[in-house]
N, C-alpha and C. Protein backbone atom coordinates (compact mmCIF):
# COMPACT_ATOMS: atom_id res chain seq x y z
N MET A 1 -10.60 35.25 -8.44
CA MET A 1 -10.47 36.25 -6.90
C MET A 1 -9.46 37.09 -5.93
N LYS A 2 -10.54 38.06 -5.59
CA LYS A 2 -9.65 38.81 -4.47
C LYS A 2 -9.36 38.12 -3.20
N ALA A 3 -8.64 38.37 -2.76
CA ALA A 3 -8.96 38.59 -1.32
C ALA A 3 -10.28 38.79 -0.14
N SER A 4 -10.44 38.31 0.42
CA SER A 4 -11.64 39.23 0.92
C SER A 4 -12.37 37.98 2.42
N LEU A 5 -13.11 38.67 3.04
CA LEU A 5 -13.98 37.85 4.25
C LEU A 5 -15.09 38.03 3.42
N ILE A 6 -15.31 36.32 3.84
CA ILE A 6 -17.04 36.15 3.27
C ILE A 6 -17.87 35.40 4.41
N ALA A 7 -18.54 36.23 4.52
CA ALA A 7 -19.58 35.12 5.75
C ALA A 7 -20.65 34.80 5.34
N ILE A 8 -20.42 33.25 6.20
CA ILE A 8 -21.62 32.22 6.05
C ILE A 8 -22.74 32.54 6.72
N GLU A 9 -23.66 33.05 6.49
CA GLU A 9 -25.09 32.86 7.97
C GLU A 9 -26.13 32.25 7.21
N GLY A 10 -26.52 31.66 8.20
CA GLY A 10 -28.16 31.24 8.26
C GLY A 10 -28.72 30.86 9.83
N ILE A 11 -29.94 30.48 10.33
CA ILE A 11 -30.35 30.20 11.00
C ILE A 11 -29.82 28.91 11.26
N ASP A 12 -29.84 27.82 13.02
CA ASP A 12 -30.08 26.60 13.26
C ASP A 12 -30.17 25.70 12.56
N GLY A 13 -29.52 24.78 11.49
CA GLY A 13 -30.04 24.01 10.64
C GLY A 13 -29.78 24.43 8.96
N SER A 14 -29.63 25.54 9.38
CA SER A 14 -29.58 25.59 7.86
C SER A 14 -28.42 24.59 6.58
N GLY A 15 -27.40 24.64 7.30
CA GLY A 15 -25.79 24.03 6.09
C GLY A 15 -24.75 24.61 6.20
N LYS A 16 -24.64 25.51 6.93
CA LYS A 16 -23.46 26.42 7.38
C LYS A 16 -22.07 25.38 7.22
N THR A 17 -22.19 24.63 7.70
CA THR A 17 -20.71 23.87 7.70
C THR A 17 -20.88 23.40 6.62
N THR A 18 -21.69 22.28 6.72
CA THR A 18 -21.46 21.94 5.38
C THR A 18 -21.39 22.89 3.80
N GLN A 19 -21.92 23.64 3.47
CA GLN A 19 -21.89 24.65 2.52
C GLN A 19 -20.50 25.19 2.72
N VAL A 20 -20.21 25.76 3.48
CA VAL A 20 -18.64 26.22 3.99
C VAL A 20 -17.52 25.10 3.21
N ASN A 21 -18.06 23.51 3.49
CA ASN A 21 -16.67 23.07 3.63
C ASN A 21 -16.69 22.47 2.31
N LEU A 22 -17.93 22.73 1.10
CA LEU A 22 -18.30 22.70 -0.31
C LEU A 22 -17.49 23.67 -1.25
N VAL A 23 -18.00 25.05 -0.07
CA VAL A 23 -17.36 26.12 -1.44
C VAL A 23 -15.51 25.33 -1.00
N ALA A 24 -14.85 25.73 0.09
CA ALA A 24 -13.63 25.55 0.48
C ALA A 24 -13.04 24.56 -0.65
N GLN A 25 -13.75 23.05 -0.69
CA GLN A 25 -13.32 22.30 -2.03
C GLN A 25 -13.49 22.85 -3.17
N TYR A 26 -14.15 23.58 -3.64
CA TYR A 26 -14.37 23.78 -4.82
C TYR A 26 -13.19 25.11 -5.28
N LEU A 27 -12.87 25.75 -4.22
CA LEU A 27 -11.66 26.93 -4.18
C LEU A 27 -10.26 25.66 -4.40
N THR A 28 -10.56 25.22 -3.74
CA THR A 28 -8.97 24.11 -3.74
C THR A 28 -8.99 23.55 -4.89
N ARG A 29 -10.48 23.12 -5.70
CA ARG A 29 -9.90 23.06 -7.42
C ARG A 29 -10.12 23.66 -8.24
N GLN A 30 -9.93 25.38 -7.55
CA GLN A 30 -10.05 26.00 -8.84
C GLN A 30 -8.48 26.47 -8.56
N ASN A 31 -7.82 25.90 -7.79
CA ASN A 31 -6.70 26.63 -7.02
C ASN A 31 -6.33 28.17 -6.80
N ILE A 32 -7.05 28.73 -6.14
CA ILE A 32 -7.55 29.88 -5.15
C ILE A 32 -7.05 29.97 -3.42
N PRO A 33 -6.17 30.30 -3.44
CA PRO A 33 -5.87 29.88 -1.63
C PRO A 33 -6.90 31.08 -0.65
N HIS A 34 -6.74 30.11 -0.04
CA HIS A 34 -8.27 30.00 1.03
C HIS A 34 -8.18 29.71 2.27
N GLN A 35 -8.72 29.87 3.47
CA GLN A 35 -8.70 29.47 4.88
C GLN A 35 -10.35 29.48 5.17
N VAL A 36 -9.95 28.27 6.23
CA VAL A 36 -11.89 27.92 6.84
C VAL A 36 -11.55 28.38 8.39
N ILE A 37 -12.45 29.67 8.68
CA ILE A 37 -12.52 29.90 10.34
C ILE A 37 -13.90 29.07 10.85
N ASN A 38 -14.49 28.63 11.87
CA ASN A 38 -15.74 28.75 12.27
C ASN A 38 -16.03 29.32 13.56
N PHE A 39 -16.76 29.96 13.46
CA PHE A 39 -17.73 30.33 15.21
C PHE A 39 -18.71 30.38 15.72
N PRO A 40 -18.38 30.18 16.89
CA PRO A 40 -17.09 29.93 17.67
C PRO A 40 -15.93 29.15 17.63
N ARG A 41 -15.40 29.64 18.40
CA ARG A 41 -13.96 28.90 17.83
C ARG A 41 -13.90 27.83 19.40
N TYR A 42 -14.63 26.96 19.34
CA TYR A 42 -15.21 25.77 21.12
C TYR A 42 -13.72 25.26 20.79
N GLY A 43 -13.24 25.18 22.50
CA GLY A 43 -12.08 24.19 22.79
C GLY A 43 -10.74 25.58 22.89
N GLU A 44 -10.64 26.24 22.10
CA GLU A 44 -9.88 27.40 21.41
C GLU A 44 -9.24 28.34 22.23
N ASN A 45 -10.44 28.92 23.57
CA ASN A 45 -10.25 30.38 24.33
C ASN A 45 -11.14 30.21 25.48
N ILE A 46 -11.08 31.09 26.49
CA ILE A 46 -11.50 31.37 27.70
C ILE A 46 -12.80 31.97 26.97
N TYR A 47 -13.52 32.46 26.29
CA TYR A 47 -14.52 33.46 25.23
C TYR A 47 -14.94 32.30 25.10
N ALA A 48 -14.56 31.23 23.97
CA ALA A 48 -15.58 30.31 23.69
C ALA A 48 -15.92 28.85 24.49
N GLY A 49 -15.21 29.20 25.88
CA GLY A 49 -15.77 28.18 27.11
C GLY A 49 -16.36 28.41 27.33
N LEU A 50 -17.03 29.79 27.15
CA LEU A 50 -17.55 30.42 28.28
C LEU A 50 -19.17 30.44 27.12
N ILE A 51 -18.57 30.56 25.97
CA ILE A 51 -19.94 30.44 24.79
C ILE A 51 -20.19 29.05 25.39
N THR A 52 -19.58 28.02 25.34
CA THR A 52 -20.30 26.55 25.65
C THR A 52 -21.23 26.28 26.64
N ARG A 53 -20.68 26.61 27.70
CA ARG A 53 -21.44 26.78 28.63
C ARG A 53 -22.33 27.68 28.89
N TYR A 54 -22.67 28.79 28.29
CA TYR A 54 -23.96 29.53 28.07
C TYR A 54 -24.89 28.72 27.03
N LEU A 55 -24.58 28.12 26.08
CA LEU A 55 -25.76 27.24 25.34
C LEU A 55 -25.82 25.91 25.98
N ALA A 56 -24.81 25.82 26.75
CA ALA A 56 -25.76 24.25 27.34
C ALA A 56 -26.57 24.63 28.59
N GLY A 57 -26.67 25.82 28.83
CA GLY A 57 -28.32 26.66 29.87
C GLY A 57 -27.67 26.48 31.11
N LYS A 58 -26.17 26.57 31.34
CA LYS A 58 -25.14 26.42 32.55
C LYS A 58 -25.68 28.07 33.27
N PHE A 59 -25.65 28.90 32.52
CA PHE A 59 -26.45 30.32 33.06
C PHE A 59 -27.77 30.79 33.29
N GLY A 60 -28.31 30.01 32.98
CA GLY A 60 -30.12 29.61 32.88
C GLY A 60 -30.69 29.87 31.25
N SER A 61 -31.32 30.16 31.08
CA SER A 61 -32.41 30.45 29.58
C SER A 61 -32.47 32.43 29.43
N ASN A 62 -32.08 32.78 30.58
CA ASN A 62 -32.71 34.82 30.39
C ASN A 62 -31.23 34.89 30.70
N VAL A 63 -29.79 35.22 30.18
CA VAL A 63 -28.27 35.99 30.47
C VAL A 63 -28.75 37.06 29.50
N ASN A 64 -28.56 37.92 30.38
CA ASN A 64 -28.45 39.63 29.54
C ASN A 64 -27.49 39.41 27.70
N PRO A 65 -28.47 39.56 26.93
CA PRO A 65 -27.40 39.28 25.82
C PRO A 65 -26.54 40.13 25.61
N TYR A 66 -26.66 41.59 26.06
CA TYR A 66 -25.28 42.38 25.97
C TYR A 66 -23.92 41.90 26.77
N LEU A 67 -24.07 41.03 28.09
CA LEU A 67 -23.17 39.77 28.43
C LEU A 67 -22.41 39.06 27.54
N ILE A 68 -23.36 38.60 26.82
CA ILE A 68 -22.96 37.23 26.06
C ILE A 68 -22.50 37.74 25.25
N ALA A 69 -22.84 38.99 24.30
CA ALA A 69 -22.51 39.14 23.19
C ALA A 69 -20.89 39.62 23.61
N LEU A 70 -20.34 39.95 24.44
CA LEU A 70 -19.03 39.46 24.60
C LEU A 70 -17.94 39.25 24.90
N ALA A 71 -18.93 37.72 24.98
CA ALA A 71 -17.69 36.51 24.83
C ALA A 71 -17.80 36.44 23.68
N TYR A 72 -18.66 36.22 22.68
CA TYR A 72 -18.63 35.96 21.10
C TYR A 72 -17.67 37.00 20.35
N ALA A 73 -17.91 38.27 20.78
CA ALA A 73 -16.91 39.40 20.41
C ALA A 73 -15.44 39.30 20.87
N GLY A 74 -15.34 38.74 22.17
CA GLY A 74 -14.17 38.52 22.77
C GLY A 74 -13.73 36.67 21.72
N ASP A 75 -14.27 35.99 21.31
CA ASP A 75 -13.69 35.11 20.18
C ASP A 75 -13.62 35.48 19.42
N ARG A 76 -14.02 36.40 18.34
CA ARG A 76 -13.75 36.73 17.59
C ARG A 76 -13.12 37.31 17.33
N PHE A 77 -12.18 38.22 18.37
CA PHE A 77 -11.11 39.69 18.52
C PHE A 77 -9.96 38.82 18.75
N LEU A 78 -9.57 37.49 19.32
CA LEU A 78 -8.72 37.19 19.64
C LEU A 78 -8.36 36.20 18.06
N ALA A 79 -9.13 35.94 17.49
CA ALA A 79 -8.98 35.81 15.81
C ALA A 79 -8.46 37.07 14.65
N LYS A 80 -8.72 37.77 15.37
CA LYS A 80 -7.91 38.93 14.49
C LYS A 80 -7.07 39.15 13.69
N PRO A 81 -6.29 39.16 14.10
CA PRO A 81 -4.32 38.74 14.11
C PRO A 81 -4.31 37.51 12.49
N LEU A 82 -5.64 36.95 12.82
CA LEU A 82 -5.33 35.29 12.17
C LEU A 82 -5.41 35.65 10.50
N ILE A 83 -7.09 35.95 11.18
CA ILE A 83 -7.32 36.74 9.83
C ILE A 83 -7.05 37.47 8.95
N GLU A 84 -6.66 38.63 9.80
CA GLU A 84 -5.87 39.93 8.88
C GLU A 84 -4.88 39.12 8.50
N SER A 85 -3.88 38.68 8.81
CA SER A 85 -2.36 37.72 8.43
C SER A 85 -2.88 36.98 7.12
N TRP A 86 -4.58 35.84 6.88
CA TRP A 86 -5.01 35.94 5.94
C TRP A 86 -4.90 36.30 4.71
N LEU A 87 -5.80 37.48 4.99
CA LEU A 87 -5.99 38.43 3.79
C LEU A 87 -4.95 39.04 3.42
N GLN A 88 -4.24 39.13 4.52
CA GLN A 88 -2.32 40.00 3.58
C GLN A 88 -1.60 39.04 2.79
N GLU A 89 -1.89 37.81 2.81
CA GLU A 89 -1.29 37.08 2.10
C GLU A 89 -1.91 36.80 1.06
N GLY A 90 -3.36 37.49 0.59
CA GLY A 90 -3.71 36.94 0.02
C GLY A 90 -5.10 36.23 -0.20
N LYS A 91 -5.39 35.56 0.95
CA LYS A 91 -6.39 34.70 0.71
C LYS A 91 -7.83 34.96 0.71
N VAL A 92 -8.60 34.05 0.67
CA VAL A 92 -10.00 34.15 0.61
C VAL A 92 -10.40 33.41 1.72
N VAL A 93 -10.96 34.02 3.01
CA VAL A 93 -11.20 33.63 4.32
C VAL A 93 -12.55 33.67 4.45
N LEU A 94 -12.50 31.98 4.80
CA LEU A 94 -14.31 31.75 4.78
C LEU A 94 -15.10 31.96 6.07
N ALA A 95 -16.11 32.50 6.73
CA ALA A 95 -16.22 32.95 8.20
C ALA A 95 -17.15 31.54 7.48
N ASN A 96 -17.27 30.31 8.50
CA ASN A 96 -19.00 29.84 9.22
C ASN A 96 -19.26 30.64 10.65
N ARG A 97 -20.23 31.33 9.67
CA ARG A 97 -20.87 32.02 11.14
C ARG A 97 -19.85 33.89 11.49
N TYR A 98 -20.24 34.71 11.33
CA TYR A 98 -19.52 36.27 11.91
C TYR A 98 -20.12 37.01 12.69
N VAL A 99 -20.54 38.44 12.62
CA VAL A 99 -20.68 39.26 13.70
C VAL A 99 -22.33 39.31 13.32
N SER A 100 -22.84 38.82 12.77
CA SER A 100 -24.13 38.75 12.11
C SER A 100 -25.00 37.69 13.07
N SER A 101 -24.02 36.39 13.00
CA SER A 101 -24.43 35.59 13.85
C SER A 101 -25.12 36.12 15.45
N SER A 102 -24.09 36.64 16.00
CA SER A 102 -24.33 37.74 16.83
C SER A 102 -25.52 38.25 17.06
N LYS A 103 -25.83 39.25 15.96
CA LYS A 103 -27.27 39.82 15.67
C LYS A 103 -28.24 39.08 15.82
N ALA A 104 -28.07 38.69 14.97
CA ALA A 104 -29.13 37.45 14.55
C ALA A 104 -29.92 36.41 16.16
N HIS A 105 -28.91 35.60 16.70
CA HIS A 105 -29.38 34.81 17.80
C HIS A 105 -29.46 35.50 19.30
N LEU A 106 -28.46 36.92 19.06
CA LEU A 106 -28.85 37.35 20.89
C LEU A 106 -29.95 38.22 20.79
N GLY A 107 -30.31 39.25 19.11
CA GLY A 107 -30.79 39.61 19.12
C GLY A 107 -32.50 38.87 19.25
N ALA A 108 -32.90 37.77 19.07
CA ALA A 108 -33.55 37.14 19.21
C ALA A 108 -34.43 37.43 20.19
N ASN A 109 -33.07 37.30 21.46
CA ASN A 109 -33.53 37.23 22.81
C ASN A 109 -34.41 38.15 23.56
N LEU A 110 -33.98 39.62 22.90
CA LEU A 110 -34.91 41.02 23.28
C LEU A 110 -35.88 41.08 23.09
N PRO A 111 -36.71 41.98 23.57
CA PRO A 111 -38.15 42.66 23.38
C PRO A 111 -37.85 43.33 21.98
N GLU A 112 -38.75 43.49 20.77
CA GLU A 112 -39.01 43.68 19.43
C GLU A 112 -38.39 45.33 20.32
N ASP A 113 -39.08 45.79 20.98
CA ASP A 113 -38.10 47.39 20.51
C ASP A 113 -37.09 47.83 21.69
N LYS A 114 -36.35 46.70 21.94
CA LYS A 114 -34.70 46.90 22.43
C LYS A 114 -33.99 46.37 21.45
N LYS A 115 -34.49 45.44 20.29
CA LYS A 115 -33.54 44.69 19.46
C LYS A 115 -32.84 46.20 18.73
N GLU A 116 -33.08 46.85 18.12
CA GLU A 116 -32.22 47.90 17.20
C GLU A 116 -31.55 48.95 18.41
N GLU A 117 -31.71 49.23 19.34
CA GLU A 117 -30.49 49.48 20.02
C GLU A 117 -29.33 49.09 20.51
N PHE A 118 -29.84 47.40 20.87
CA PHE A 118 -28.95 46.32 20.75
C PHE A 118 -27.79 46.42 19.20
N LEU A 119 -28.60 45.85 18.13
CA LEU A 119 -27.78 45.62 17.28
C LEU A 119 -27.12 46.95 16.62
N SER A 120 -27.51 47.90 16.75
CA SER A 120 -26.22 49.47 16.94
C SER A 120 -24.92 49.09 18.18
N TRP A 121 -25.62 48.84 19.24
CA TRP A 121 -24.87 48.41 20.26
C TRP A 121 -23.74 47.48 19.64
N LEU A 122 -23.71 46.50 19.06
CA LEU A 122 -23.23 45.81 18.75
C LEU A 122 -22.18 46.27 17.55
N GLU A 123 -22.69 46.75 16.42
CA GLU A 123 -21.97 46.95 15.07
C GLU A 123 -21.30 47.85 16.10
N LYS A 124 -21.01 48.92 16.62
CA LYS A 124 -19.98 49.70 17.35
C LYS A 124 -19.07 49.29 18.03
N LEU A 125 -19.80 47.70 19.16
CA LEU A 125 -18.42 46.95 19.54
C LEU A 125 -17.73 46.21 18.89
N GLU A 126 -18.13 45.80 17.42
CA GLU A 126 -16.97 45.04 16.74
C GLU A 126 -16.42 45.63 15.77
N TYR A 127 -16.67 46.52 14.70
CA TYR A 127 -16.40 47.08 14.12
C TYR A 127 -15.51 48.37 14.42
N GLN A 128 -15.96 48.80 15.39
CA GLN A 128 -15.50 50.30 15.71
C GLN A 128 -14.47 50.12 17.10
N THR A 129 -15.13 49.64 18.20
CA THR A 129 -13.99 49.22 19.13
C THR A 129 -12.84 48.36 18.94
N ASN A 130 -13.23 46.74 18.61
CA ASN A 130 -12.68 46.28 18.10
C ASN A 130 -12.09 45.75 16.34
N GLN A 131 -12.73 46.81 16.09
CA GLN A 131 -11.84 46.74 14.54
C GLN A 131 -12.16 45.61 13.87
N MET A 132 -13.17 45.08 13.54
CA MET A 132 -12.93 43.42 13.32
C MET A 132 -13.10 43.49 11.36
N PRO A 133 -12.54 42.77 10.92
CA PRO A 133 -12.49 43.03 9.63
C PRO A 133 -14.00 42.86 8.80
N LYS A 134 -14.37 43.92 8.49
CA LYS A 134 -15.44 43.47 7.49
C LYS A 134 -15.52 42.81 6.51
N PRO A 135 -16.68 41.67 6.14
CA PRO A 135 -17.02 40.75 5.34
C PRO A 135 -17.12 41.47 4.07
N GLY A 136 -16.30 40.85 3.25
CA GLY A 136 -16.71 41.77 1.70
C GLY A 136 -17.93 40.95 0.79
N LEU A 137 -17.95 41.02 1.67
CA LEU A 137 -19.37 38.94 0.92
C LEU A 137 -20.27 38.67 1.70
N THR A 138 -21.14 38.57 2.34
CA THR A 138 -22.09 37.92 3.22
C THR A 138 -23.42 36.73 2.63
N ILE A 139 -23.32 35.51 2.88
CA ILE A 139 -24.17 35.24 1.95
C ILE A 139 -25.04 34.14 2.79
N LEU A 140 -26.16 34.69 2.73
CA LEU A 140 -27.25 33.80 3.93
C LEU A 140 -28.04 32.84 3.29
N LEU A 141 -27.89 31.83 3.91
CA LEU A 141 -28.76 30.57 3.53
C LEU A 141 -30.02 30.78 4.16
N LYS A 142 -30.87 31.06 3.62
CA LYS A 142 -32.46 31.00 3.98
C LYS A 142 -33.48 29.32 4.22
N VAL A 143 -33.03 29.20 5.36
CA VAL A 143 -34.66 27.75 5.23
C VAL A 143 -35.15 28.59 6.37
N ASP A 144 -36.60 27.66 6.03
CA ASP A 144 -37.60 27.60 6.94
C ASP A 144 -37.64 27.29 8.62
N PRO A 145 -37.29 27.92 9.31
CA PRO A 145 -37.15 27.91 10.29
C PRO A 145 -37.58 26.35 11.31
N ALA A 146 -38.59 26.29 10.78
CA ALA A 146 -39.03 24.95 10.67
C ALA A 146 -38.43 23.95 10.77
N VAL A 147 -38.12 24.04 9.45
CA VAL A 147 -36.91 22.83 9.01
C VAL A 147 -35.69 22.36 9.44
N GLY A 148 -35.33 23.95 9.81
CA GLY A 148 -33.86 24.04 10.52
C GLY A 148 -33.52 23.14 11.79
N GLN A 149 -34.84 23.91 12.11
CA GLN A 149 -34.76 22.90 14.06
C GLN A 149 -35.14 21.37 13.81
N SER A 150 -36.29 21.00 12.57
CA SER A 150 -36.06 19.34 12.59
C SER A 150 -34.35 19.04 12.11
N ASN A 151 -33.79 20.01 11.02
CA ASN A 151 -32.70 19.31 10.95
C ASN A 151 -31.96 19.28 12.30
N VAL A 152 -31.80 20.21 12.99
CA VAL A 152 -30.82 20.56 14.05
C VAL A 152 -31.45 19.35 15.08
N LEU A 153 -32.47 18.91 15.45
CA LEU A 153 -32.73 17.85 16.09
C LEU A 153 -32.59 16.37 15.51
N LYS A 154 -32.25 16.09 14.35
CA LYS A 154 -31.91 15.01 13.54
C LYS A 154 -30.52 14.70 14.16
N ASP A 155 -29.91 15.83 13.96
CA ASP A 155 -28.02 15.66 14.22
C ASP A 155 -27.25 15.31 15.34
N HIS A 156 -27.70 16.36 16.32
CA HIS A 156 -26.62 16.09 17.71
C HIS A 156 -28.19 16.71 18.53
N PRO A 157 -27.23 16.69 19.91
CA PRO A 157 -28.31 17.50 21.02
C PRO A 157 -28.64 18.76 21.02
N VAL A 158 -29.23 19.09 21.37
CA VAL A 158 -28.95 21.00 21.05
C VAL A 158 -29.35 21.62 22.35
N ASP A 159 -29.17 23.01 21.64
CA ASP A 159 -28.23 23.96 22.67
C ASP A 159 -29.60 25.13 23.44
N ILE A 160 -29.64 25.73 23.77
CA ILE A 160 -30.55 26.75 24.14
C ILE A 160 -31.33 27.60 23.54
N HIS A 161 -30.33 27.88 22.21
CA HIS A 161 -31.31 28.46 21.53
C HIS A 161 -31.80 27.47 20.07
N GLU A 162 -30.98 26.43 19.43
CA GLU A 162 -32.04 25.35 19.12
C GLU A 162 -33.27 24.86 19.06
N LYS A 163 -33.10 24.11 20.76
CA LYS A 163 -34.44 23.90 21.09
C LYS A 163 -35.43 24.30 21.47
N ASN A 164 -35.38 25.98 20.96
CA ASN A 164 -36.56 26.93 21.34
C ASN A 164 -36.97 27.66 20.33
N GLU A 165 -38.06 26.53 19.39
CA GLU A 165 -38.38 27.58 17.96
C GLU A 165 -39.16 28.80 17.68
N GLU A 166 -39.41 29.28 19.07
CA GLU A 166 -39.75 30.92 18.74
C GLU A 166 -38.39 31.53 18.75
N HIS A 167 -37.31 31.15 19.12
CA HIS A 167 -35.93 31.59 18.80
C HIS A 167 -35.65 31.52 17.57
N GLY A 168 -35.48 30.51 17.09
CA GLY A 168 -35.34 30.47 15.61
C GLY A 168 -36.33 31.42 14.57
N GLN A 169 -37.44 30.91 14.88
CA GLN A 169 -38.77 32.35 14.05
C GLN A 169 -37.80 33.79 14.06
N ILE A 170 -37.35 34.03 15.02
CA ILE A 170 -37.17 35.49 15.45
C ILE A 170 -35.73 35.61 15.03
N SER A 171 -35.09 35.08 15.29
CA SER A 171 -33.78 34.85 14.37
C SER A 171 -33.37 35.22 13.01
N ALA A 172 -34.27 33.96 12.50
CA ALA A 172 -34.50 34.12 10.60
C ALA A 172 -35.14 35.44 10.61
N GLN A 173 -36.04 35.90 10.71
CA GLN A 173 -36.42 37.50 10.56
C GLN A 173 -35.53 38.73 10.72
N ILE A 174 -34.82 38.08 11.32
CA ILE A 174 -33.45 39.11 12.08
C ILE A 174 -32.78 39.23 10.88
N TYR A 175 -32.35 38.07 10.81
CA TYR A 175 -31.34 38.00 9.79
C TYR A 175 -31.84 37.87 7.84
N ASP A 176 -33.80 38.19 7.96
CA ASP A 176 -34.05 38.63 6.84
C ASP A 176 -33.80 40.08 6.54
N GLU A 177 -33.67 40.37 7.79
CA GLU A 177 -33.82 41.96 7.92
C GLU A 177 -32.52 42.89 7.11
N LEU A 178 -31.47 41.81 8.12
CA LEU A 178 -30.38 42.97 7.84
C LEU A 178 -29.92 41.88 6.31
N ALA A 179 -30.35 41.06 5.22
CA ALA A 179 -29.88 41.36 4.27
C ALA A 179 -30.37 42.16 3.53
N GLN A 180 -31.47 42.14 4.06
CA GLN A 180 -32.14 43.61 3.12
C GLN A 180 -31.59 44.96 2.95
N LEU A 181 -30.94 44.89 4.03
CA LEU A 181 -30.50 46.48 5.01
C LEU A 181 -29.24 46.62 4.29
N GLU A 182 -28.20 45.31 4.44
CA GLU A 182 -26.97 45.26 4.23
C GLU A 182 -26.49 44.81 3.04
N GLY A 183 -27.51 44.37 2.02
CA GLY A 183 -27.57 44.23 0.66
C GLY A 183 -26.49 42.33 0.53
N TRP A 184 -26.91 41.66 1.26
CA TRP A 184 -25.86 40.53 0.94
C TRP A 184 -26.89 39.85 0.42
N LYS A 185 -26.30 38.29 0.18
CA LYS A 185 -26.44 37.94 -1.31
C LYS A 185 -27.77 36.59 -0.68
N VAL A 186 -28.52 36.39 -0.90
CA VAL A 186 -29.75 35.50 -0.69
C VAL A 186 -29.32 33.76 -1.31
N VAL A 187 -29.07 33.47 -0.66
CA VAL A 187 -29.86 31.68 -0.89
C VAL A 187 -30.94 31.12 -0.94
N ASP A 188 -32.11 30.64 -1.76
CA ASP A 188 -33.16 30.52 -1.09
C ASP A 188 -32.85 28.89 -1.17
N CYS A 189 -32.45 27.88 0.49
CA CYS A 189 -32.82 26.48 0.12
C CYS A 189 -33.99 25.78 0.53
N MET A 190 -35.07 26.16 -0.11
CA MET A 190 -36.17 25.65 0.09
C MET A 190 -36.69 25.67 -1.53
N GLU A 191 -37.47 24.28 -1.88
CA GLU A 191 -38.50 24.63 -2.79
C GLU A 191 -39.51 23.76 -2.72
N ASN A 192 -40.88 23.81 -2.24
CA ASN A 192 -41.71 23.45 -2.14
C ASN A 192 -42.10 22.85 -1.16
N GLY A 193 -41.69 23.81 0.01
CA GLY A 193 -41.51 23.11 1.25
C GLY A 193 -40.63 22.20 2.16
N LYS A 194 -39.99 22.09 1.05
CA LYS A 194 -38.80 21.43 1.92
C LYS A 194 -37.48 21.73 0.89
N MET A 195 -36.40 21.36 1.83
CA MET A 195 -35.06 21.59 1.90
C MET A 195 -34.68 21.19 0.57
N ARG A 196 -33.80 22.28 0.05
CA ARG A 196 -32.87 21.65 -1.33
C ARG A 196 -32.06 20.47 -0.63
N LYS A 197 -31.39 19.79 -1.75
CA LYS A 197 -30.09 18.93 -1.99
C LYS A 197 -28.84 19.79 -1.27
N GLN A 198 -28.16 19.25 -0.47
CA GLN A 198 -26.84 20.05 -0.18
C GLN A 198 -26.12 20.45 -1.66
N GLU A 199 -26.13 19.42 -2.54
CA GLU A 199 -25.49 19.39 -3.35
C GLU A 199 -25.57 21.02 -5.00
N GLU A 200 -27.40 21.11 -4.33
CA GLU A 200 -28.13 22.06 -5.34
C GLU A 200 -27.69 23.48 -4.75
N ILE A 201 -27.72 23.29 -3.77
CA ILE A 201 -27.51 24.52 -2.74
C ILE A 201 -26.05 25.30 -3.10
N SER A 202 -24.99 24.27 -3.17
CA SER A 202 -23.38 24.33 -2.97
C SER A 202 -23.38 25.02 -4.60
N LYS A 203 -24.32 24.36 -5.39
CA LYS A 203 -23.97 24.85 -7.03
C LYS A 203 -24.87 26.66 -7.20
N MET A 204 -25.46 26.78 -6.29
CA MET A 204 -26.48 27.96 -6.43
C MET A 204 -24.89 28.86 -5.37
N VAL A 205 -24.48 28.54 -4.51
CA VAL A 205 -23.57 29.07 -3.66
C VAL A 205 -22.21 29.75 -4.56
N ILE A 206 -21.77 28.69 -4.97
CA ILE A 206 -20.66 28.83 -5.96
C ILE A 206 -20.60 29.62 -6.62
N GLU A 207 -22.06 29.60 -7.09
CA GLU A 207 -22.23 30.61 -8.78
C GLU A 207 -22.78 32.25 -8.53
N ILE A 208 -22.53 32.42 -7.08
CA ILE A 208 -22.04 33.65 -6.69
C ILE A 208 -20.71 34.26 -6.34
N PHE A 209 -19.98 33.23 -6.58
CA PHE A 209 -18.57 33.53 -6.71
C PHE A 209 -18.16 34.03 -7.77
N ARG A 210 -18.60 33.42 -8.27
CA ARG A 210 -18.00 32.96 -10.25
C ARG A 210 -18.81 34.54 -10.30
N ILE A 211 -20.00 35.23 -10.14
CA ILE A 211 -20.74 36.26 -10.20
C ILE A 211 -19.46 37.55 -10.66
């Protein structure tokens, strides 16, 4: 497997962290050099600290998406040298959330007629202005929003995105649109209205790596 940046995306409660860890275990077994990076990088920089406060509702629930997008972008930008060095070393870089996470979650906070303009602006900010590395592969873990929210509520205290059912539905829709537009690989994590077991989902994700 060639060195590349691989982004794992999905709505809250879709099992991204679990799948990133299972893929990392697979790469270790295959002796494929790799690194995992989680975004936001909570506790590591001033931008991530701002994001933590935002998600906790410290700035209210109606923060301009353009403004908070700068914090998410700043967090990623500080990681740019690290990502580039790993790629130069020939490693596979697994990103637990990346630029598209901001597109889906922050785009969900805008009226329908404002989304396209925001997504275009964010694309330019991240990939033209900040010149972030583009993923060679993006995998979407597709989960029913109601199931995703149920998973989140069981696991930990929720943030302002996670507790908003409508937010989950709209972000899922944006993810679906991005997947189709940008040619992502989509893993259907649902079967008969229920979420598949993580081991089953992992096999489907790993199969993508073998193609």
